[in-house]
All heavy atoms as atom14 arrays in JSON, in Angstrom:
{
  "sequence": "AKRLFAEILGCKPEQVFVGGNASLQLMYDTISKAYTHGLLRSERPWCK",
  "atom14_mask": [
    [1, 1, 1, 1, 1, 0, 0, 0, 0, 0, 0, 0, 0, 0],
    [1, 1, 1, 1, 1, 1, 1, 1, 1, 0, 0, 0, 0, 0],
    [1, 1, 1, 1, 1, 1, 1, 1, 1, 1, 1, 0, 0, 0],
    [1, 1, 1, 1, 1, 1, 1, 1, 0, 0, 0, 0, 0, 0],
    [1, 1, 1, 1, 1, 1, 1, 1, 1, 1, 1, 0, 0, 0],
    [1, 1, 1, 1, 1, 0, 0, 0, 0, 0, 0, 0, 0, 0],
    [1, 1, 1, 1, 1, 1, 1, 1, 1, 0, 0, 0, 0, 0],
    [1, 1, 1, 1, 1, 1, 1, 1, 0, 0, 0, 0, 0, 0],
    [1, 1, 1, 1, 1, 1, 1, 1, 0, 0, 0, 0, 0, 0],
    [1, 1, 1, 1, 0, 0, 0, 0, 0, 0, 0, 0, 0, 0],
    [1, 1, 1, 1, 1, 1, 0, 0, 0, 0, 0, 0, 0, 0],
    [1, 1, 1, 1, 1, 1, 1, 1, 1, 0, 0, 0, 0, 0],
    [1, 1, 1, 1, 1, 1, 1, 0, 0, 0, 0, 0, 0, 0],
    [1, 1, 1, 1, 1, 1, 1, 1, 1, 0, 0, 0, 0, 0],
    [1, 1, 1, 1, 1, 1, 1, 1, 1, 0, 0, 0, 0, 0],
    [1, 1, 1, 1, 1, 1, 1, 0, 0, 0, 0, 0, 0, 0],
    [1, 1, 1, 1, 1, 1, 1, 1, 1, 1, 1, 0, 0, 0],
    [1, 1, 1, 1, 1, 1, 1, 0, 0, 0, 0, 0, 0, 0],
    [1, 1, 1, 1, 0, 0, 0, 0, 0, 0, 0, 0, 0, 0],
    [1, 1, 1, 1, 0, 0, 0, 0, 0, 0, 0, 0, 0, 0],
    [1, 1, 1, 1, 1, 1, 1, 1, 0, 0, 0, 0, 0, 0],
    [1, 1, 1, 1, 1, 0, 0, 0, 0, 0, 0, 0, 0, 0],
    [1, 1, 1, 1, 1, 1, 0, 0, 0, 0, 0, 0, 0, 0],
    [1, 1, 1, 1, 1, 1, 1, 1, 0, 0, 0, 0, 0, 0],
    [1, 1, 1, 1, 1, 1, 1, 1, 1, 0, 0, 0, 0, 0],
    [1, 1, 1, 1, 1, 1, 1, 1, 0, 0, 0, 0, 0, 0],
    [1, 1, 1, 1, 1, 1, 1, 1, 0, 0, 0, 0, 0, 0],
    [1, 1, 1, 1, 1, 1, 1, 1, 1, 1, 1, 1, 0, 0],
    [1, 1, 1, 1, 1, 1, 1, 1, 0, 0, 0, 0, 0, 0],
    [1, 1, 1, 1, 1, 1, 1, 0, 0, 0, 0, 0, 0, 0],
    [1, 1, 1, 1, 1, 1, 1, 1, 0, 0, 0, 0, 0, 0],
    [1, 1, 1, 1, 1, 1, 0, 0, 0, 0, 0, 0, 0, 0],
    [1, 1, 1, 1, 1, 1, 1, 1, 1, 0, 0, 0, 0, 0],
    [1, 1, 1, 1, 1, 0, 0, 0, 0, 0, 0, 0, 0, 0],
    [1, 1, 1, 1, 1, 1, 1, 1, 1, 1, 1, 1, 0, 0],
    [1, 1, 1, 1, 1, 1, 1, 0, 0, 0, 0, 0, 0, 0],
    [1, 1, 1, 1, 1, 1, 1, 1, 1, 1, 0, 0, 0, 0],
    [1, 1, 1, 1, 0, 0, 0, 0, 0, 0, 0, 0, 0, 0],
    [1, 1, 1, 1, 1, 1, 1, 1, 0, 0, 0, 0, 0, 0],
    [1, 1, 1, 1, 1, 1, 1, 1, 0, 0, 0, 0, 0, 0],
    [1, 1, 1, 1, 1, 1, 1, 1, 1, 1, 1, 0, 0, 0],
    [1, 1, 1, 1, 1, 1, 0, 0, 0, 0, 0, 0, 0, 0],
    [1, 1, 1, 1, 1, 1, 1, 1, 1, 0, 0, 0, 0, 0],
    [1, 1, 1, 1, 1, 1, 1, 1, 1, 1, 1, 0, 0, 0],
    [1, 1, 1, 1, 1, 1, 1, 0, 0, 0, 0, 0, 0, 0],
    [1, 1, 1, 1, 1, 1, 1, 1, 1, 1, 1, 1, 1, 1],
    [1, 1, 1, 1, 1, 1, 0, 0, 0, 0, 0, 0, 0, 0],
    [1, 1, 1, 1, 1, 1, 1, 1, 1, 0, 0, 0, 0, 0]
  ],
  "atom14_positions": [
    [[0.85, -1.19, 0.0], [-0.02, 0.02, -0.01], [0.85, 1.27, 0.01], [0.54, 2.25, -0.7], [-0.93, 0.01, 1.19], [0.0, 0.0, 0.0], [0.0, 0.0, 0.0], [0.0, 0.0, 0.0], [0.0, 0.0, 0.0], [0.0, 0.0, 0.0], [0.0, 0.0, 0.0], [0.0, 0.0, 0.0], [0.0, 0.0, 0.0], [0.0, 0.0, 0.0]],
    [[2.04, 1.2, 0.71], [2.86, 2.31, 0.67], [3.46, 2.51, -0.66], [3.65, 3.67, -1.15], [4.02, 2.08, 1.74], [3.54, 2.17, 3.26], [4.46, 1.35, 4.15], [5.74, 1.99, 4.41], [5.66, 3.02, 5.44], [0.0, 0.0, 0.0], [0.0, 0.0, 0.0], [0.0, 0.0, 0.0], [0.0, 0.0, 0.0], [0.0, 0.0, 0.0]],
    [[3.78, 1.46, -1.41], [4.35, 1.54, -2.73], [3.35, 2.08, -3.67], [3.72, 2.95, -4.52], [4.84, 0.16, -3.23], [5.97, -0.44, -2.51], [6.64, -1.59, -3.28], [5.73, -2.71, -3.37], [5.65, -3.72, -2.41], [6.49, -3.64, -1.37], [4.83, -4.66, -2.57], [0.0, 0.0, 0.0], [0.0, 0.0, 0.0], [0.0, 0.0, 0.0]],
    [[2.07, 1.78, -3.49], [1.06, 2.18, -4.36], [0.88, 3.74, -4.24], [0.85, 4.46, -5.2], [-0.32, 1.6, -4.03], [-1.58, 2.04, -4.76], [-1.45, 1.87, -6.33], [-2.79, 1.35, -4.25], [0.0, 0.0, 0.0], [0.0, 0.0, 0.0], [0.0, 0.0, 0.0], [0.0, 0.0, 0.0], [0.0, 0.0, 0.0], [0.0, 0.0, 0.0]],
    [[0.79, 4.25, -2.98], [0.61, 5.67, -2.72], [1.82, 6.43, -3.17], [1.8, 7.48, -3.77], [0.31, 5.95, -1.3], [-1.18, 6.0, -0.98], [-1.66, 5.19, 0.02], [-2.01, 6.84, -1.62], [-3.0, 5.19, 0.38], [-3.39, 6.89, -1.27], [-3.83, 6.05, -0.3], [0.0, 0.0, 0.0], [0.0, 0.0, 0.0], [0.0, 0.0, 0.0]],
    [[3.01, 5.84, -2.99], [4.27, 6.51, -3.31], [4.39, 6.65, -4.86], [4.81, 7.77, -5.31], [5.55, 5.65, -2.89], [0.0, 0.0, 0.0], [0.0, 0.0, 0.0], [0.0, 0.0, 0.0], [0.0, 0.0, 0.0], [0.0, 0.0, 0.0], [0.0, 0.0, 0.0], [0.0, 0.0, 0.0], [0.0, 0.0, 0.0], [0.0, 0.0, 0.0]],
    [[3.93, 5.7, -5.58], [3.88, 5.74, -7.03], [2.94, 6.96, -7.53], [3.27, 7.69, -8.43], [3.58, 4.45, -7.79], [3.65, 4.49, -9.18], [3.24, 3.23, -9.89], [2.64, 2.38, -9.29], [3.43, 3.16, -11.19], [0.0, 0.0, 0.0], [0.0, 0.0, 0.0], [0.0, 0.0, 0.0], [0.0, 0.0, 0.0], [0.0, 0.0, 0.0]],
    [[1.81, 6.98, -6.93], [0.8, 8.0, -7.32], [1.29, 9.37, -7.0], [1.15, 10.34, -7.76], [-0.54, 7.69, -6.62], [-1.21, 6.41, -7.23], [-1.5, 8.9, -6.7], [-2.4, 5.92, -6.53], [0.0, 0.0, 0.0], [0.0, 0.0, 0.0], [0.0, 0.0, 0.0], [0.0, 0.0, 0.0], [0.0, 0.0, 0.0], [0.0, 0.0, 0.0]],
    [[1.88, 9.52, -5.83], [2.26, 10.84, -5.43], [3.76, 11.25, -5.85], [4.06, 12.33, -5.86], [2.31, 10.86, -3.84], [0.93, 10.78, -3.14], [1.12, 10.77, -1.67], [0.01, 11.92, -3.53], [0.0, 0.0, 0.0], [0.0, 0.0, 0.0], [0.0, 0.0, 0.0], [0.0, 0.0, 0.0], [0.0, 0.0, 0.0], [0.0, 0.0, 0.0]],
    [[4.48, 10.31, -6.29], [5.83, 10.59, -6.83], [6.94, 10.65, -5.66], [7.99, 11.15, -5.94], [0.0, 0.0, 0.0], [0.0, 0.0, 0.0], [0.0, 0.0, 0.0], [0.0, 0.0, 0.0], [0.0, 0.0, 0.0], [0.0, 0.0, 0.0], [0.0, 0.0, 0.0], [0.0, 0.0, 0.0], [0.0, 0.0, 0.0], [0.0, 0.0, 0.0]],
    [[6.59, 10.1, -4.53], [7.58, 10.15, -3.44], [8.16, 8.72, -3.2], [7.96, 7.78, -4.07], [6.96, 10.68, -2.2], [5.58, 9.69, -1.55], [0.0, 0.0, 0.0], [0.0, 0.0, 0.0], [0.0, 0.0, 0.0], [0.0, 0.0, 0.0], [0.0, 0.0, 0.0], [0.0, 0.0, 0.0], [0.0, 0.0, 0.0], [0.0, 0.0, 0.0]],
    [[8.76, 8.43, -2.06], [9.33, 7.19, -1.8], [8.41, 6.36, -0.87], [7.82, 6.99, 0.04], [10.7, 7.4, -1.12], [11.75, 8.09, -1.93], [12.96, 8.43, -1.06], [14.02, 9.33, -1.82], [15.14, 9.66, -0.99], [0.0, 0.0, 0.0], [0.0, 0.0, 0.0], [0.0, 0.0, 0.0], [0.0, 0.0, 0.0], [0.0, 0.0, 0.0]],
    [[8.38, 5.09, -1.0], [7.52, 4.25, -0.07], [7.77, 4.47, 1.37], [6.96, 4.49, 2.21], [7.83, 2.8, -0.5], [8.25, 2.98, -1.97], [8.98, 4.18, -2.04], [0.0, 0.0, 0.0], [0.0, 0.0, 0.0], [0.0, 0.0, 0.0], [0.0, 0.0, 0.0], [0.0, 0.0, 0.0], [0.0, 0.0, 0.0], [0.0, 0.0, 0.0]],
    [[9.12, 4.66, 1.76], [9.46, 4.88, 3.13], [8.97, 6.2, 3.73], [9.06, 6.38, 4.91], [10.95, 4.67, 3.37], [11.8, 5.58, 2.56], [12.24, 4.88, 1.21], [11.5, 4.07, 0.66], [13.42, 5.32, 0.76], [0.0, 0.0, 0.0], [0.0, 0.0, 0.0], [0.0, 0.0, 0.0], [0.0, 0.0, 0.0], [0.0, 0.0, 0.0]],
    [[8.5, 7.07, 2.82], [8.01, 8.37, 3.24], [6.51, 8.3, 3.47], [5.86, 9.33, 3.79], [8.34, 9.45, 2.26], [9.76, 9.72, 2.03], [10.11, 10.71, 0.96], [9.54, 10.52, -0.1], [10.93, 11.66, 1.28], [0.0, 0.0, 0.0], [0.0, 0.0, 0.0], [0.0, 0.0, 0.0], [0.0, 0.0, 0.0], [0.0, 0.0, 0.0]],
    [[5.83, 7.17, 3.26], [4.44, 7.03, 3.32], [3.84, 6.33, 4.55], [4.4, 5.28, 4.89], [3.86, 6.34, 2.01], [2.35, 6.12, 2.06], [4.27, 7.09, 0.76], [0.0, 0.0, 0.0], [0.0, 0.0, 0.0], [0.0, 0.0, 0.0], [0.0, 0.0, 0.0], [0.0, 0.0, 0.0], [0.0, 0.0, 0.0], [0.0, 0.0, 0.0]],
    [[2.86, 6.91, 5.15], [2.17, 6.16, 6.24], [0.67, 6.04, 5.75], [0.01, 6.98, 5.38], [2.19, 7.04, 7.49], [1.48, 6.48, 8.74], [2.25, 5.94, 9.75], [0.16, 6.4, 8.8], [1.72, 5.35, 10.83], [-0.47, 5.78, 9.9], [0.3, 5.29, 10.94], [0.0, 0.0, 0.0], [0.0, 0.0, 0.0], [0.0, 0.0, 0.0]],
    [[0.17, 4.78, 5.77], [-1.11, 4.44, 5.31], [-2.15, 4.35, 6.42], [-1.86, 3.68, 7.39], [-1.13, 3.24, 4.41], [-2.49, 2.98, 3.76], [-0.02, 3.22, 3.35], [0.0, 0.0, 0.0], [0.0, 0.0, 0.0], [0.0, 0.0, 0.0], [0.0, 0.0, 0.0], [0.0, 0.0, 0.0], [0.0, 0.0, 0.0], [0.0, 0.0, 0.0]],
    [[-3.24, 5.09, 6.29], [-4.18, 5.14, 7.37], [-5.55, 4.47, 7.01], [-5.62, 3.61, 6.12], [0.0, 0.0, 0.0], [0.0, 0.0, 0.0], [0.0, 0.0, 0.0], [0.0, 0.0, 0.0], [0.0, 0.0, 0.0], [0.0, 0.0, 0.0], [0.0, 0.0, 0.0], [0.0, 0.0, 0.0], [0.0, 0.0, 0.0], [0.0, 0.0, 0.0]],
    [[-6.55, 4.97, 7.6], [-7.89, 4.48, 7.33], [-8.59, 5.14, 6.17], [-7.92, 5.63, 5.28], [0.0, 0.0, 0.0], [0.0, 0.0, 0.0], [0.0, 0.0, 0.0], [0.0, 0.0, 0.0], [0.0, 0.0, 0.0], [0.0, 0.0, 0.0], [0.0, 0.0, 0.0], [0.0, 0.0, 0.0], [0.0, 0.0, 0.0], [0.0, 0.0, 0.0]],
    [[-9.96, 5.35, 6.27], [-10.64, 5.83, 5.1], [-10.63, 7.35, 4.91], [-11.04, 7.89, 3.92], [-12.09, 5.34, 5.13], [-12.87, 6.14, 6.19], [-12.64, 6.07, 7.4], [-13.96, 6.8, 5.7], [0.0, 0.0, 0.0], [0.0, 0.0, 0.0], [0.0, 0.0, 0.0], [0.0, 0.0, 0.0], [0.0, 0.0, 0.0], [0.0, 0.0, 0.0]],
    [[-10.12, 8.04, 5.91], [-10.25, 9.51, 5.95], [-8.95, 10.25, 6.08], [-8.35, 10.21, 7.16], [-11.19, 9.98, 7.09], [0.0, 0.0, 0.0], [0.0, 0.0, 0.0], [0.0, 0.0, 0.0], [0.0, 0.0, 0.0], [0.0, 0.0, 0.0], [0.0, 0.0, 0.0], [0.0, 0.0, 0.0], [0.0, 0.0, 0.0], [0.0, 0.0, 0.0]],
    [[-8.5, 10.91, 5.04], [-7.32, 11.77, 5.19], [-7.46, 12.86, 6.11], [-6.52, 13.35, 6.76], [-6.87, 12.35, 3.82], [-7.87, 13.12, 3.18], [0.0, 0.0, 0.0], [0.0, 0.0, 0.0], [0.0, 0.0, 0.0], [0.0, 0.0, 0.0], [0.0, 0.0, 0.0], [0.0, 0.0, 0.0], [0.0, 0.0, 0.0], [0.0, 0.0, 0.0]],
    [[-8.76, 13.38, 6.29], [-9.0, 14.41, 7.24], [-8.6, 13.99, 8.7], [-8.11, 14.8, 9.43], [-10.56, 14.82, 7.25], [-10.9, 15.97, 8.06], [-10.24, 17.27, 7.58], [-12.39, 16.18, 8.04], [0.0, 0.0, 0.0], [0.0, 0.0, 0.0], [0.0, 0.0, 0.0], [0.0, 0.0, 0.0], [0.0, 0.0, 0.0], [0.0, 0.0, 0.0]],
    [[-8.84, 12.69, 8.98], [-8.45, 12.16, 10.3], [-6.95, 12.37, 10.52], [-6.53, 12.71, 11.59], [-8.87, 10.78, 10.46], [-8.5, 10.09, 11.79], [-8.78, 8.66, 11.86], [-8.82, 7.96, 10.86], [-8.92, 8.14, 13.04], [0.0, 0.0, 0.0], [0.0, 0.0, 0.0], [0.0, 0.0, 0.0], [0.0, 0.0, 0.0], [0.0, 0.0, 0.0]],
    [[-6.18, 12.05, 9.45], [-4.75, 12.14, 9.59], [-4.31, 13.57, 9.69], [-3.34, 13.9, 10.33], [-4.06, 11.43, 8.34], [-4.31, 9.93, 8.15], [-3.65, 9.44, 6.9], [-3.76, 9.17, 9.38], [0.0, 0.0, 0.0], [0.0, 0.0, 0.0], [0.0, 0.0, 0.0], [0.0, 0.0, 0.0], [0.0, 0.0, 0.0], [0.0, 0.0, 0.0]],
    [[-5.0, 14.48, 8.93], [-4.72, 15.86, 9.01], [-4.97, 16.42, 10.43], [-4.12, 17.11, 11.06], [-5.51, 16.64, 8.05], [-5.04, 16.48, 6.59], [-5.97, 17.43, 5.44], [-6.78, 16.24, 4.54], [0.0, 0.0, 0.0], [0.0, 0.0, 0.0], [0.0, 0.0, 0.0], [0.0, 0.0, 0.0], [0.0, 0.0, 0.0], [0.0, 0.0, 0.0]],
    [[-6.12, 16.08, 10.99], [-6.49, 16.45, 12.34], [-5.43, 15.94, 13.37], [-5.04, 16.69, 14.24], [-7.93, 15.98, 12.66], [-8.34, 16.36, 14.1], [-9.13, 17.51, 14.28], [-7.97, 15.6, 15.26], [-9.51, 17.88, 15.52], [-8.38, 16.04, 16.49], [-9.19, 17.14, 16.66], [-9.54, 17.63, 17.89], [0.0, 0.0, 0.0], [0.0, 0.0, 0.0]],
    [[-5.1, 14.64, 13.11], [-4.08, 14.1, 14.06], [-2.74, 14.75, 14.03], [-2.08, 14.91, 15.05], [-3.97, 12.6, 13.76], [-3.45, 11.79, 14.98], [-3.99, 11.93, 16.1], [-2.46, 11.07, 14.74], [0.0, 0.0, 0.0], [0.0, 0.0, 0.0], [0.0, 0.0, 0.0], [0.0, 0.0, 0.0], [0.0, 0.0, 0.0], [0.0, 0.0, 0.0]],
    [[-2.36, 15.18, 12.92], [-1.03, 15.79, 12.72], [-1.05, 17.12, 13.47], [-0.13, 17.52, 14.19], [-0.71, 16.13, 11.2], [-0.66, 14.85, 10.54], [0.63, 16.76, 11.07], [0.0, 0.0, 0.0], [0.0, 0.0, 0.0], [0.0, 0.0, 0.0], [0.0, 0.0, 0.0], [0.0, 0.0, 0.0], [0.0, 0.0, 0.0], [0.0, 0.0, 0.0]],
    [[-2.15, 17.89, 13.3], [-2.33, 19.24, 14.03], [-2.41, 18.91, 15.56], [-1.77, 19.61, 16.36], [-3.57, 19.97, 13.58], [-3.44, 20.32, 12.1], [-3.81, 21.24, 14.43], [-2.39, 21.33, 11.75], [0.0, 0.0, 0.0], [0.0, 0.0, 0.0], [0.0, 0.0, 0.0], [0.0, 0.0, 0.0], [0.0, 0.0, 0.0], [0.0, 0.0, 0.0]],
    [[-3.14, 17.81, 15.92], [-3.3, 17.51, 17.32], [-1.9, 17.1, 18.0], [-1.56, 17.55, 19.08], [-4.22, 16.3, 17.48], [-4.3, 16.01, 18.77], [0.0, 0.0, 0.0], [0.0, 0.0, 0.0], [0.0, 0.0, 0.0], [0.0, 0.0, 0.0], [0.0, 0.0, 0.0], [0.0, 0.0, 0.0], [0.0, 0.0, 0.0], [0.0, 0.0, 0.0]],
    [[-1.14, 16.42, 17.21], [0.25, 16.02, 17.73], [1.07, 17.25, 17.92], [1.87, 17.39, 18.94], [0.89, 15.06, 16.74], [0.24, 13.67, 16.67], [0.52, 12.83, 17.83], [0.04, 11.37, 17.56], [-1.45, 11.31, 17.54], [0.0, 0.0, 0.0], [0.0, 0.0, 0.0], [0.0, 0.0, 0.0], [0.0, 0.0, 0.0], [0.0, 0.0, 0.0]],
    [[1.02, 18.21, 16.95], [1.73, 19.42, 17.07], [1.38, 20.21, 18.32], [2.12, 20.75, 19.09], [1.58, 20.3, 15.87], [0.0, 0.0, 0.0], [0.0, 0.0, 0.0], [0.0, 0.0, 0.0], [0.0, 0.0, 0.0], [0.0, 0.0, 0.0], [0.0, 0.0, 0.0], [0.0, 0.0, 0.0], [0.0, 0.0, 0.0], [0.0, 0.0, 0.0]],
    [[-0.03, 20.12, 18.58], [-0.53, 20.89, 19.75], [-0.12, 20.21, 21.1], [0.23, 20.96, 22.01], [-2.12, 20.9, 19.58], [-2.81, 21.77, 20.63], [-2.8, 23.19, 20.47], [-3.43, 21.2, 21.69], [-3.43, 23.99, 21.36], [-4.07, 22.06, 22.63], [-4.05, 23.47, 22.49], [-4.69, 24.22, 23.38], [0.0, 0.0, 0.0], [0.0, 0.0, 0.0]],
    [[-0.22, 18.92, 21.13], [0.01, 18.28, 22.47], [1.44, 17.97, 22.71], [1.99, 17.97, 23.82], [-0.81, 16.99, 22.55], [-0.48, 16.23, 21.42], [-2.33, 17.27, 22.51], [0.0, 0.0, 0.0], [0.0, 0.0, 0.0], [0.0, 0.0, 0.0], [0.0, 0.0, 0.0], [0.0, 0.0, 0.0], [0.0, 0.0, 0.0], [0.0, 0.0, 0.0]],
    [[2.23, 17.59, 21.61], [3.52, 17.14, 21.81], [4.59, 18.01, 21.09], [5.76, 18.01, 21.37], [3.75, 15.68, 21.26], [3.09, 14.69, 22.11], [1.66, 14.55, 22.09], [3.52, 13.77, 22.94], [1.34, 13.57, 22.85], [2.4, 13.06, 23.43], [0.0, 0.0, 0.0], [0.0, 0.0, 0.0], [0.0, 0.0, 0.0], [0.0, 0.0, 0.0]],
    [[4.11, 18.83, 20.13], [5.03, 19.49, 19.2], [5.51, 18.69, 18.11], [5.35, 17.48, 18.11], [0.0, 0.0, 0.0], [0.0, 0.0, 0.0], [0.0, 0.0, 0.0], [0.0, 0.0, 0.0], [0.0, 0.0, 0.0], [0.0, 0.0, 0.0], [0.0, 0.0, 0.0], [0.0, 0.0, 0.0], [0.0, 0.0, 0.0], [0.0, 0.0, 0.0]],
    [[6.07, 19.34, 17.09], [6.59, 18.61, 15.91], [8.11, 18.35, 16.12], [8.66, 18.76, 17.1], [6.39, 19.44, 14.69], [4.87, 19.63, 14.33], [4.73, 20.61, 13.18], [4.16, 18.39, 13.96], [0.0, 0.0, 0.0], [0.0, 0.0, 0.0], [0.0, 0.0, 0.0], [0.0, 0.0, 0.0], [0.0, 0.0, 0.0], [0.0, 0.0, 0.0]],
    [[8.66, 17.7, 15.13], [10.03, 17.33, 15.23], [11.04, 18.51, 15.63], [11.88, 18.38, 16.4], [10.51, 16.7, 13.91], [11.97, 16.26, 13.77], [12.19, 15.02, 14.82], [12.29, 15.74, 12.4], [0.0, 0.0, 0.0], [0.0, 0.0, 0.0], [0.0, 0.0, 0.0], [0.0, 0.0, 0.0], [0.0, 0.0, 0.0], [0.0, 0.0, 0.0]],
    [[10.75, 19.71, 15.01], [11.62, 20.78, 15.26], [10.97, 21.85, 16.16], [11.45, 23.0, 16.33], [11.9, 21.45, 13.9], [12.71, 20.54, 13.02], [13.03, 21.26, 11.64], [13.83, 20.37, 10.79], [15.19, 20.2, 10.85], [15.92, 20.89, 11.77], [15.83, 19.47, 9.99], [0.0, 0.0, 0.0], [0.0, 0.0, 0.0], [0.0, 0.0, 0.0]],
    [[9.95, 21.51, 16.96], [9.28, 22.33, 17.86], [10.2, 22.6, 19.13], [10.84, 21.66, 19.66], [7.92, 21.83, 18.26], [7.05, 21.85, 17.16], [0.0, 0.0, 0.0], [0.0, 0.0, 0.0], [0.0, 0.0, 0.0], [0.0, 0.0, 0.0], [0.0, 0.0, 0.0], [0.0, 0.0, 0.0], [0.0, 0.0, 0.0], [0.0, 0.0, 0.0]],
    [[10.19, 23.82, 19.57], [10.89, 24.08, 20.83], [10.03, 23.7, 22.02], [10.51, 23.36, 23.11], [11.12, 25.6, 20.95], [12.15, 26.16, 19.88], [12.21, 27.68, 19.82], [11.43, 28.32, 20.39], [13.15, 28.19, 19.19], [0.0, 0.0, 0.0], [0.0, 0.0, 0.0], [0.0, 0.0, 0.0], [0.0, 0.0, 0.0], [0.0, 0.0, 0.0]],
    [[8.67, 23.64, 21.82], [7.75, 23.18, 22.86], [6.39, 22.89, 22.12], [6.2, 23.3, 20.98], [7.55, 24.34, 23.88], [7.09, 25.71, 23.34], [7.16, 26.76, 24.35], [6.97, 28.06, 23.74], [8.01, 28.87, 23.3], [9.29, 28.46, 23.6], [7.79, 30.05, 22.78], [0.0, 0.0, 0.0], [0.0, 0.0, 0.0], [0.0, 0.0, 0.0]],
    [[5.52, 22.16, 22.8], [4.17, 21.88, 22.15], [3.42, 23.17, 21.92], [3.63, 24.22, 22.58], [3.47, 21.08, 23.28], [4.59, 20.49, 24.16], [5.7, 21.5, 24.11], [0.0, 0.0, 0.0], [0.0, 0.0, 0.0], [0.0, 0.0, 0.0], [0.0, 0.0, 0.0], [0.0, 0.0, 0.0], [0.0, 0.0, 0.0], [0.0, 0.0, 0.0]],
    [[2.68, 23.16, 20.87], [1.97, 24.37, 20.5], [0.97, 24.86, 21.48], [0.67, 26.02, 21.57], [1.21, 24.15, 19.12], [2.26, 24.08, 17.96], [3.55, 24.05, 17.98], [1.85, 23.91, 16.55], [4.1, 23.98, 16.74], [3.09, 23.93, 15.82], [0.69, 23.9, 15.88], [3.14, 23.73, 14.43], [0.66, 23.81, 14.5], [1.78, 23.73, 13.81]],
    [[0.53, 23.88, 22.28], [-0.41, 24.28, 23.34], [0.25, 25.25, 24.46], [-0.43, 25.94, 25.24], [-1.0, 23.13, 24.15], [0.21, 22.02, 24.95], [0.0, 0.0, 0.0], [0.0, 0.0, 0.0], [0.0, 0.0, 0.0], [0.0, 0.0, 0.0], [0.0, 0.0, 0.0], [0.0, 0.0, 0.0], [0.0, 0.0, 0.0], [0.0, 0.0, 0.0]],
    [[1.59, 25.24, 24.42], [2.31, 26.06, 25.38], [2.72, 27.48, 24.69], [3.43, 28.3, 25.38], [3.54, 25.39, 25.95], [3.19, 24.13, 26.77], [4.35, 23.56, 27.43], [4.01, 22.28, 28.27], [3.05, 22.66, 29.38], [0.0, 0.0, 0.0], [0.0, 0.0, 0.0], [0.0, 0.0, 0.0], [0.0, 0.0, 0.0], [0.0, 0.0, 0.0]]
  ]
}
């Protein structure tokens, strides 16, 4: 499934995470993770 999406998007399979039926859920979760934990380069969680 990672290879399929990677071919469609033009990226590498190791860059792909495959979820459920809703990309909106993944988008929400990405924002939520930034809010509660921060992103890779965050100095602190966005909630702070």
